[in-house]
C-alpha atoms as a PDB file:
ATOM      1  CA  MET A   1     -61.240 -23.013-152.959  1.00  0.00           C
ATOM      2  CA  LYS A   2     -63.162 -21.108-150.261  1.00  0.00           C
ATOM      3  CA  LYS A   3     -61.228 -22.950-147.584  1.00  0.00           C
ATOM      4  CA  SER A   4     -57.971 -21.916-149.231  1.00  0.00           C
ATOM      5  CA  ILE A   5     -59.026 -18.259-149.333  1.00  0.00           C
ATOM      6  CA  ARG A   6     -60.017 -18.381-145.663  1.00  0.00           C
ATOM      7  CA  ALA A   7     -56.690 -20.002-144.763  1.00  0.00           C
ATOM      8  CA  ILE A   8     -54.732 -17.326-146.639  1.00  0.00           C
ATOM      9  CA  ALA A   9     -56.723 -14.518-144.939  1.00  0.00           C
ATOM     10  CA  ALA A  10     -56.158 -16.045-141.517  1.00  0.00           C
ATOM     11  CA  ALA A  11     -52.448 -16.354-142.221  1.00  0.00           C
ATOM     12  CA  LEU A  12     -52.253 -12.691-143.248  1.00  0.00           C
ATOM     13  CA  VAL A  13     -54.041 -11.581-140.071  1.00  0.00           C
ATOM     14  CA  LEU A  14     -51.748 -13.694-137.885  1.00  0.00           C
ATOM     15  CA  SER A  15     -48.650 -12.431-139.634  1.00  0.00           C
ATOM     16  CA  GLY A  16     -49.785  -8.823-139.136  1.00  0.00           C
ATOM     17  CA  ILE A  17     -50.285  -9.396-135.405  1.00  0.00           C
ATOM     18  CA  ALA A  18     -46.883 -11.059-135.169  1.00  0.00           C
ATOM     19  CA  ALA A  19     -45.226  -8.169-137.027  1.00  0.00           C
ATOM     20  CA  GLN A  20     -46.751  -5.653-134.594  1.00  0.00           C
ATOM     21  CA  ALA A  21     -45.682  -7.697-131.602  1.00  0.00           C
ATOM     22  CA  GLY A  22     -42.092  -7.984-132.809  1.00  0.00           C
ATOM     23  CA  GLY A  23     -41.713  -4.540-134.375  1.00  0.00           C
ATOM     24  CA  ASP A  24     -40.834  -1.103-133.048  1.00  0.00           C
ATOM     25  CA  ILE A  25     -44.391   0.176-132.799  1.00  0.00           C
ATOM     26  CA  VAL A  26     -44.845   1.951-129.457  1.00  0.00           C
ATOM     27  CA  PRO A  27     -48.375   2.419-128.145  1.00  0.00           C
ATOM     28  CA  VAL A  28     -49.464   6.020-127.507  1.00  0.00           C
ATOM     29  CA  VAL A  29     -49.799   6.756-123.785  1.00  0.00           C
ATOM     30  CA  ASP A  30     -51.415   9.894-122.432  1.00  0.00           C
ATOM     31  CA  PRO A  31     -48.931  11.936-120.358  1.00  0.00           C
ATOM     32  CA  VAL A  32     -49.411  11.807-116.600  1.00  0.00           C
ATOM     33  CA  PRO A  33     -50.297  15.277-115.355  1.00  0.00           C
ATOM     34  CA  VAL A  34     -47.789  16.888-112.996  1.00  0.00           C
ATOM     35  CA  GLU A  35     -49.342  17.713-109.667  1.00  0.00           C
ATOM     36  CA  ASN A  36     -48.968  21.313-108.470  1.00  0.00           C
ATOM     37  CA  GLY A  37     -47.125  20.305-105.328  1.00  0.00           C
ATOM     38  CA  CYS A  38     -44.568  18.197-107.219  1.00  0.00           C
ATOM     39  CA  ARG A  39     -43.185  20.781-109.590  1.00  0.00           C
ATOM     40  CA  ASP A  40     -39.462  21.215-109.002  1.00  0.00           C
ATOM     41  CA  GLY A  41     -37.296  24.295-109.510  1.00  0.00           C
ATOM     42  CA  PHE A  42     -36.653  27.652-107.865  1.00  0.00           C
ATOM     43  CA  TYR A  43     -39.189  29.592-105.834  1.00  0.00           C
ATOM     44  CA  VAL A  44     -39.267  32.883-103.944  1.00  0.00           C
ATOM     45  CA  GLY A  45     -41.530  34.085-101.183  1.00  0.00           C
ATOM     46  CA  GLY A  46     -42.286  36.521 -98.438  1.00  0.00           C
ATOM     47  CA  ALA A  47     -43.968  36.455 -95.056  1.00  0.00           C
ATOM     48  CA  VAL A  48     -45.043  38.537 -92.104  1.00  0.00           C
ATOM     49  CA  ALA A  49     -44.153  37.095 -88.714  1.00  0.00           C
ATOM     50  CA  ILE A  50     -44.652  37.499 -85.011  1.00  0.00           C
ATOM     51  CA  GLN A  51     -41.223  37.009 -83.488  1.00  0.00           C
ATOM     52  CA  ARG A  52     -40.445  36.563 -79.834  1.00  0.00           C
ATOM     53  CA  MET A  53     -37.140  37.122 -78.082  1.00  0.00           C
ATOM     54  CA  TYR A  54     -37.160  36.134 -74.458  1.00  0.00           C
ATOM     55  CA  ALA A  55     -35.066  35.260 -71.450  1.00  0.00           C
ATOM     56  CA  GLY A  56     -36.007  32.314 -69.248  1.00  0.00           C
ATOM     57  CA  ASN A  57     -39.206  30.379 -69.939  1.00  0.00           C
ATOM     58  CA  LYS A  58     -42.019  32.600 -71.157  1.00  0.00           C
ATOM     59  CA  SER A  59     -45.409  31.819 -72.663  1.00  0.00           C
ATOM     60  CA  TRP A  60     -46.635  33.269 -75.965  1.00  0.00           C
ATOM     61  CA  SER A  61     -49.728  34.807 -74.424  1.00  0.00           C
ATOM     62  CA  ALA A  62     -48.117  36.471 -71.425  1.00  0.00           C
ATOM     63  CA  TYR A  63     -46.705  39.978 -71.231  1.00  0.00           C
ATOM     64  CA  GLU A  64     -43.697  39.500 -69.020  1.00  0.00           C
ATOM     65  CA  LEU A  65     -40.420  41.163 -68.187  1.00  0.00           C
ATOM     66  CA  GLY A  66     -37.617  39.711 -70.290  1.00  0.00           C
ATOM     67  CA  GLN A  67     -39.861  39.025 -73.297  1.00  0.00           C
ATOM     68  CA  ASP A  68     -40.163  41.127 -76.448  1.00  0.00           C
ATOM     69  CA  LYS A  69     -42.577  40.436 -79.306  1.00  0.00           C
ATOM     70  CA  THR A  70     -41.679  42.059 -82.604  1.00  0.00           C
ATOM     71  CA  VAL A  71     -43.003  42.044 -86.184  1.00  0.00           C
ATOM     72  CA  PRO A  72     -40.420  41.212 -88.884  1.00  0.00           C
ATOM     73  CA  LEU A  73     -40.716  40.787 -92.655  1.00  0.00           C
ATOM     74  CA  VAL A  74     -39.275  37.538 -94.036  1.00  0.00           C
ATOM     75  CA  GLY A  75     -37.713  36.973 -97.478  1.00  0.00           C
ATOM     76  CA  ILE A  76     -37.398  33.445 -98.899  1.00  0.00           C
ATOM     77  CA  LEU A  77     -35.409  31.837-101.733  1.00  0.00           C
ATOM     78  CA  GLY A  78     -35.613  28.086-102.258  1.00  0.00           C
ATOM     79  CA  TYR A  79     -35.124  25.204-104.646  1.00  0.00           C
ATOM     80  CA  LYS A  80     -37.493  22.244-104.772  1.00  0.00           C
ATOM     81  CA  PHE A  81     -35.891  18.971-105.908  1.00  0.00           C
ATOM     82  CA  ASN A  82     -39.075  16.876-105.952  1.00  0.00           C
ATOM     83  CA  CYS A  83     -42.281  16.258-103.993  1.00  0.00           C
ATOM     84  CA  TYR A  84     -40.377  15.426-100.842  1.00  0.00           C
ATOM     85  CA  LEU A  85     -37.314  17.645-100.520  1.00  0.00           C
ATOM     86  CA  ALA A  86     -36.267  21.278-100.921  1.00  0.00           C
ATOM     87  CA  VAL A  87     -33.546  23.587 -99.654  1.00  0.00           C
ATOM     88  CA  GLU A  88     -34.552  27.046 -98.462  1.00  0.00           C
ATOM     89  CA  GLY A  89     -32.821  30.243 -97.358  1.00  0.00           C
ATOM     90  CA  ARG A  90     -34.552  32.875 -95.252  1.00  0.00           C
ATOM     91  CA  ILE A  91     -33.714  36.361 -94.030  1.00  0.00           C
ATOM     92  CA  SER A  92     -35.860  38.463 -91.696  1.00  0.00           C
ATOM     93  CA  GLN A  93     -35.677  41.974 -90.321  1.00  0.00           C
ATOM     94  CA  THR A  94     -37.749  43.528 -87.574  1.00  0.00           C
ATOM     95  CA  VAL A  95     -39.943  46.383 -88.851  1.00  0.00           C
ATOM     96  CA  TYR A  96     -41.837  46.972 -85.627  1.00  0.00           C
ATOM     97  CA  GLU A  97     -40.202  46.762 -82.191  1.00  0.00           C
ATOM     98  CA  GLU A  98     -42.599  46.418 -79.302  1.00  0.00           C
ATOM     99  CA  ASP A  99     -39.975  46.936 -76.635  1.00  0.00           C
ATOM    100  CA  TYR A 100     -36.205  46.615 -76.638  1.00  0.00           C
ATOM    101  CA  ALA A 101     -34.952  44.403 -79.517  1.00  0.00           C
ATOM    102  CA  ASP A 102     -34.179  45.083 -83.187  1.00  0.00           C
ATOM    103  CA  ILE A 103     -33.598  41.647 -84.724  1.00  0.00           C
ATOM    104  CA  LEU A 104     -31.974  40.468 -87.966  1.00  0.00           C
ATOM    105  CA  THR A 105     -31.942  36.730 -88.732  1.00  0.00           C
ATOM    106  CA  TYR A 106     -30.688  34.643 -91.638  1.00  0.00           C
ATOM    107  CA  SER A 107     -31.078  30.894 -92.021  1.00  0.00           C
ATOM    108  CA  ILE A 108     -30.503  27.959 -94.368  1.00  0.00           C
ATOM    109  CA  PHE A 109     -32.868  24.998 -94.079  1.00  0.00           C
ATOM    110  CA  LEU A 110     -33.205  21.509 -95.481  1.00  0.00           C
ATOM    111  CA  LYS A 111     -36.933  21.139 -96.055  1.00  0.00           C
ATOM    112  CA  PRO A 112     -38.367  17.589 -96.102  1.00  0.00           C
ATOM    113  CA  MET A 113     -42.000  17.600 -97.268  1.00  0.00           C
ATOM    114  CA  TYR A 114     -44.947  15.248 -97.531  1.00  0.00           C
ATOM    115  CA  PRO A 115     -47.854  15.844 -99.969  1.00  0.00           C
ATOM    116  CA  VAL A 116     -50.994  14.961 -98.022  1.00  0.00           C
ATOM    117  CA  THR A 117     -53.132  15.748-101.084  1.00  0.00           C
ATOM    118  CA  GLU A 118     -52.431  17.160-104.535  1.00  0.00           C
ATOM    119  CA  ASP A 119     -52.528  20.717-103.146  1.00  0.00           C
ATOM    120  CA  PHE A 120     -51.841  20.367 -99.420  1.00  0.00           C
ATOM    121  CA  ASN A 121     -48.349  19.704 -97.978  1.00  0.00           C
ATOM    122  CA  VAL A 122     -46.797  19.429 -94.547  1.00  0.00           C
ATOM    123  CA  TYR A 123     -43.081  20.006 -94.021  1.00  0.00           C
ATOM    124  CA  ALA A 124     -40.223  20.340 -91.561  1.00  0.00           C
ATOM    125  CA  LEU A 125     -37.325  22.815 -91.488  1.00  0.00           C
ATOM    126  CA  ILE A 126     -33.900  21.667 -90.266  1.00  0.00           C
ATOM    127  CA  GLY A 127     -30.862  23.893 -90.515  1.00  0.00           C
ATOM    128  CA  TYR A 128     -28.534  26.561 -89.197  1.00  0.00           C
ATOM    129  CA  GLY A 129     -28.803  30.305 -88.838  1.00  0.00           C
ATOM    130  CA  VAL A 130     -27.719  33.484 -87.097  1.00  0.00           C
ATOM    131  CA  VAL A 131     -29.709  35.783 -84.823  1.00  0.00           C
ATOM    132  CA  ASP A 132     -28.330  39.326 -84.562  1.00  0.00           C
ATOM    133  CA  ALA A 133     -30.262  41.407 -82.007  1.00  0.00           C
ATOM    134  CA  LYS A 134     -29.480  44.948 -80.897  1.00  0.00           C
ATOM    135  CA  LYS A 135     -31.032  47.190 -78.269  1.00  0.00           C
ATOM    136  CA  THR A 136     -33.453  49.727 -79.670  1.00  0.00           C
ATOM    137  CA  ASP A 137     -35.916  52.439 -78.701  1.00  0.00           C
ATOM    138  CA  GLY A 138     -39.234  50.589 -78.798  1.00  0.00           C
ATOM    139  CA  GLN A 139     -42.211  51.115 -76.518  1.00  0.00           C
ATOM    140  CA  THR A 140     -40.070  50.100 -73.544  1.00  0.00           C
ATOM    141  CA  PRO A 141     -36.664  51.191 -74.830  1.00  0.00           C
ATOM    142  CA  ALA A 142     -33.185  50.453 -73.697  1.00  0.00           C
ATOM    143  CA  PRO A 143     -31.378  53.344 -72.006  1.00  0.00           C
ATOM    144  CA  SER A 144     -30.397  55.976 -74.540  1.00  0.00           C
ATOM    145  CA  ASN A 145     -26.684  55.309 -74.088  1.00  0.00           C
ATOM    146  CA  GLU A 146     -27.241  51.603 -74.932  1.00  0.00           C
ATOM    147  CA  ILE A 147     -29.240  52.013 -78.174  1.00  0.00           C
ATOM    148  CA  GLY A 148     -27.472  49.969 -80.855  1.00  0.00           C
ATOM    149  CA  ASP A 149     -25.579  47.772 -78.387  1.00  0.00           C
ATOM    150  CA  THR A 150     -25.569  44.048 -79.217  1.00  0.00           C
ATOM    151  CA  ILE A 151     -27.812  41.753 -77.179  1.00  0.00           C
ATOM    152  CA  VAL A 152     -26.777  38.622 -79.063  1.00  0.00           C
ATOM    153  CA  ASN A 153     -25.078  37.770 -82.365  1.00  0.00           C
ATOM    154  CA  LYS A 154     -24.761  34.007 -82.609  1.00  0.00           C
ATOM    155  CA  GLY A 155     -25.285  31.133 -85.002  1.00  0.00           C
ATOM    156  CA  SER A 156     -26.970  27.930 -83.895  1.00  0.00           C
ATOM    157  CA  PHE A 157     -29.101  24.960 -84.907  1.00  0.00           C
ATOM    158  CA  GLN A 158     -32.580  25.973 -86.064  1.00  0.00           C
ATOM    159  CA  TRP A 159     -35.719  23.984 -86.780  1.00  0.00           C
ATOM    160  CA  GLY A 160     -39.381  24.374 -87.600  1.00  0.00           C
ATOM    161  CA  PHE A 161     -42.515  22.831 -89.076  1.00  0.00           C
ATOM    162  CA  GLY A 162     -45.420  24.036 -91.169  1.00  0.00           C
ATOM    163  CA  LEU A 163     -47.990  23.478 -93.871  1.00  0.00           C
ATOM    164  CA  SER A 164     -48.626  24.888 -97.325  1.00  0.00           C
ATOM    165  CA  TYR A 165     -51.516  25.035 -99.777  1.00  0.00           C
ATOM    166  CA  ASP A 166     -51.060  25.330-103.560  1.00  0.00           C
ATOM    167  CA  ILE A 167     -53.475  27.924-104.931  1.00  0.00           C
ATOM    168  CA  ASN A 168     -52.431  27.049-108.489  1.00  0.00           C
ATOM    169  CA  GLU A 169     -49.316  25.911-110.378  1.00  0.00           C
ATOM    170  CA  LYS A 170     -47.378  29.049-109.369  1.00  0.00           C
ATOM    171  CA  TRP A 171     -48.656  30.409-106.049  1.00  0.00           C
ATOM    172  CA  SER A 172     -48.807  28.806-102.607  1.00  0.00           C
ATOM    173  CA  LEU A 173     -49.833  29.924 -99.145  1.00  0.00           C
ATOM    174  CA  PHE A 174     -47.905  28.733 -96.090  1.00  0.00           C
ATOM    175  CA  ALA A 175     -47.794  29.035 -92.315  1.00  0.00           C
ATOM    176  CA  ASP A 176     -45.033  27.735 -90.068  1.00  0.00           C
ATOM    177  CA  TYR A 177     -43.268  27.926 -86.733  1.00  0.00           C
ATOM    178  CA  THR A 178     -39.492  28.349 -86.501  1.00  0.00           C
ATOM    179  CA  ARG A 179     -37.218  27.968 -83.488  1.00  0.00           C
ATOM    180  CA  LEU A 180     -34.336  30.306 -84.297  1.00  0.00           C
ATOM    181  CA  MET A 181     -32.330  30.177 -81.076  1.00  0.00           C
ATOM    182  CA  ASN A 182     -32.629  28.182 -77.871  1.00  0.00           C
ATOM    183  CA  LYS A 183     -31.193  29.463 -74.578  1.00  0.00           C
ATOM    184  CA  GLN A 184     -27.997  30.879 -76.035  1.00  0.00           C
ATOM    185  CA  SER A 185     -25.559  32.270 -73.477  1.00  0.00           C
ATOM    186  CA  ILE A 186     -25.056  36.034 -73.487  1.00  0.00           C
ATOM    187  CA  PRO A 187     -23.049  38.361 -71.242  1.00  0.00           C
ATOM    188  CA  PRO A 188     -25.275  39.102 -68.224  1.00  0.00           C
ATOM    189  CA  GLN A 189     -27.324  42.181 -68.989  1.00  0.00           C
ATOM    190  CA  LYS A 190     -30.599  43.886 -68.148  1.00  0.00           C
ATOM    191  CA  LEU A 191     -32.970  43.711 -71.101  1.00  0.00           C
ATOM    192  CA  TYR A 192     -35.312  46.166 -69.386  1.00  0.00           C
ATOM    193  CA  TYR A 193     -33.687  49.117 -67.739  1.00  0.00           C
ATOM    194  CA  TYR A 194     -36.350  49.167 -64.986  1.00  0.00           C
ATOM    195  CA  ASP A 195     -35.973  45.434 -64.307  1.00  0.00           C
ATOM    196  CA  ALA A 196     -33.126  46.001 -61.880  1.00  0.00           C
ATOM    197  CA  PRO A 197     -33.257  42.659 -59.975  1.00  0.00           C
ATOM    198  CA  ASN A 198     -32.764  40.538 -63.105  1.00  0.00           C
ATOM    199  CA  ALA A 199     -29.605  40.317 -65.176  1.00  0.00           C
ATOM    200  CA  TRP A 200     -30.332  37.768 -67.922  1.00  0.00           C
ATOM    201  CA  ASP A 201     -27.523  35.444 -69.059  1.00  0.00           C
ATOM    202  CA  HIS A 202     -29.257  33.383 -71.763  1.00  0.00           C
ATOM    203  CA  ILE A 203     -31.862  34.121 -74.402  1.00  0.00           C
ATOM    204  CA  SER A 204     -34.151  32.357 -76.927  1.00  0.00           C
ATOM    205  CA  ASP A 205     -35.906  33.381 -80.128  1.00  0.00           C
ATOM    206  CA  ASP A 206     -38.783  31.906 -82.159  1.00  0.00           C
ATOM    207  CA  SER A 207     -41.417  33.043 -84.646  1.00  0.00           C
ATOM    208  CA  ILE A 208     -44.737  32.251 -86.297  1.00  0.00           C
ATOM    209  CA  ASN A 209     -44.724  33.072 -90.030  1.00  0.00           C
ATOM    210  CA  VAL A 210     -47.531  33.441 -92.590  1.00  0.00           C
ATOM    211  CA  GLY A 211     -46.791  34.135 -96.247  1.00  0.00           C
ATOM    212  CA  VAL A 212     -46.803  33.203 -99.927  1.00  0.00           C
ATOM    213  CA  THR A 213     -44.350  31.614-102.364  1.00  0.00           C
ATOM    214  CA  TYR A 214     -44.068  31.824-106.153  1.00  0.00           C
ATOM    215  CA  ARG A 215     -42.633  28.987-108.286  1.00  0.00           C
ATOM    216  CA  PHE A 216     -40.761  29.865-111.490  1.00  0.00           C
END
């Protein structure tokens, strides 16, 4: 009798296990947390930059004829598809002209990214944009009759690279370098009115940017 009871109990246990194995019962799994750097969607941002417009080959540290360092503000609107890719538009406008150039730029970039850690990312910028520079009355101004004249207004391939750090789920800090124009041909002109021997016929533009972004 006891053996029969034990056999029935064992059969019930086995049948219960079989029913669970063949049924629709789904085990509960804790959700995987979304890392800050992998949240997709729209983001906006702003930056302060040091921008350099120059003729010939000039170094960042040197103060040389044919080179003008300016301070623009940069506005950013982007969309992040996943951890590894975003598209980003930028527009910048000079707010401080050291010498002769007042510069407006606008760009569209494809932004491949790599999350080094949960909060730290490196990225590249590959795209196209326009640099519109006019003569202005900075510390070393253009001649008064040339103020407002166009130095260059051209679109070209643009690129850059940078890094970002996620402060939290919404805010990030970033710093990057962008090459906005490389030796574009311009009508020969004197970028400094006292630089009489040199009439420049090509010009380049790049910038170092530091700012923040906000994810919606």
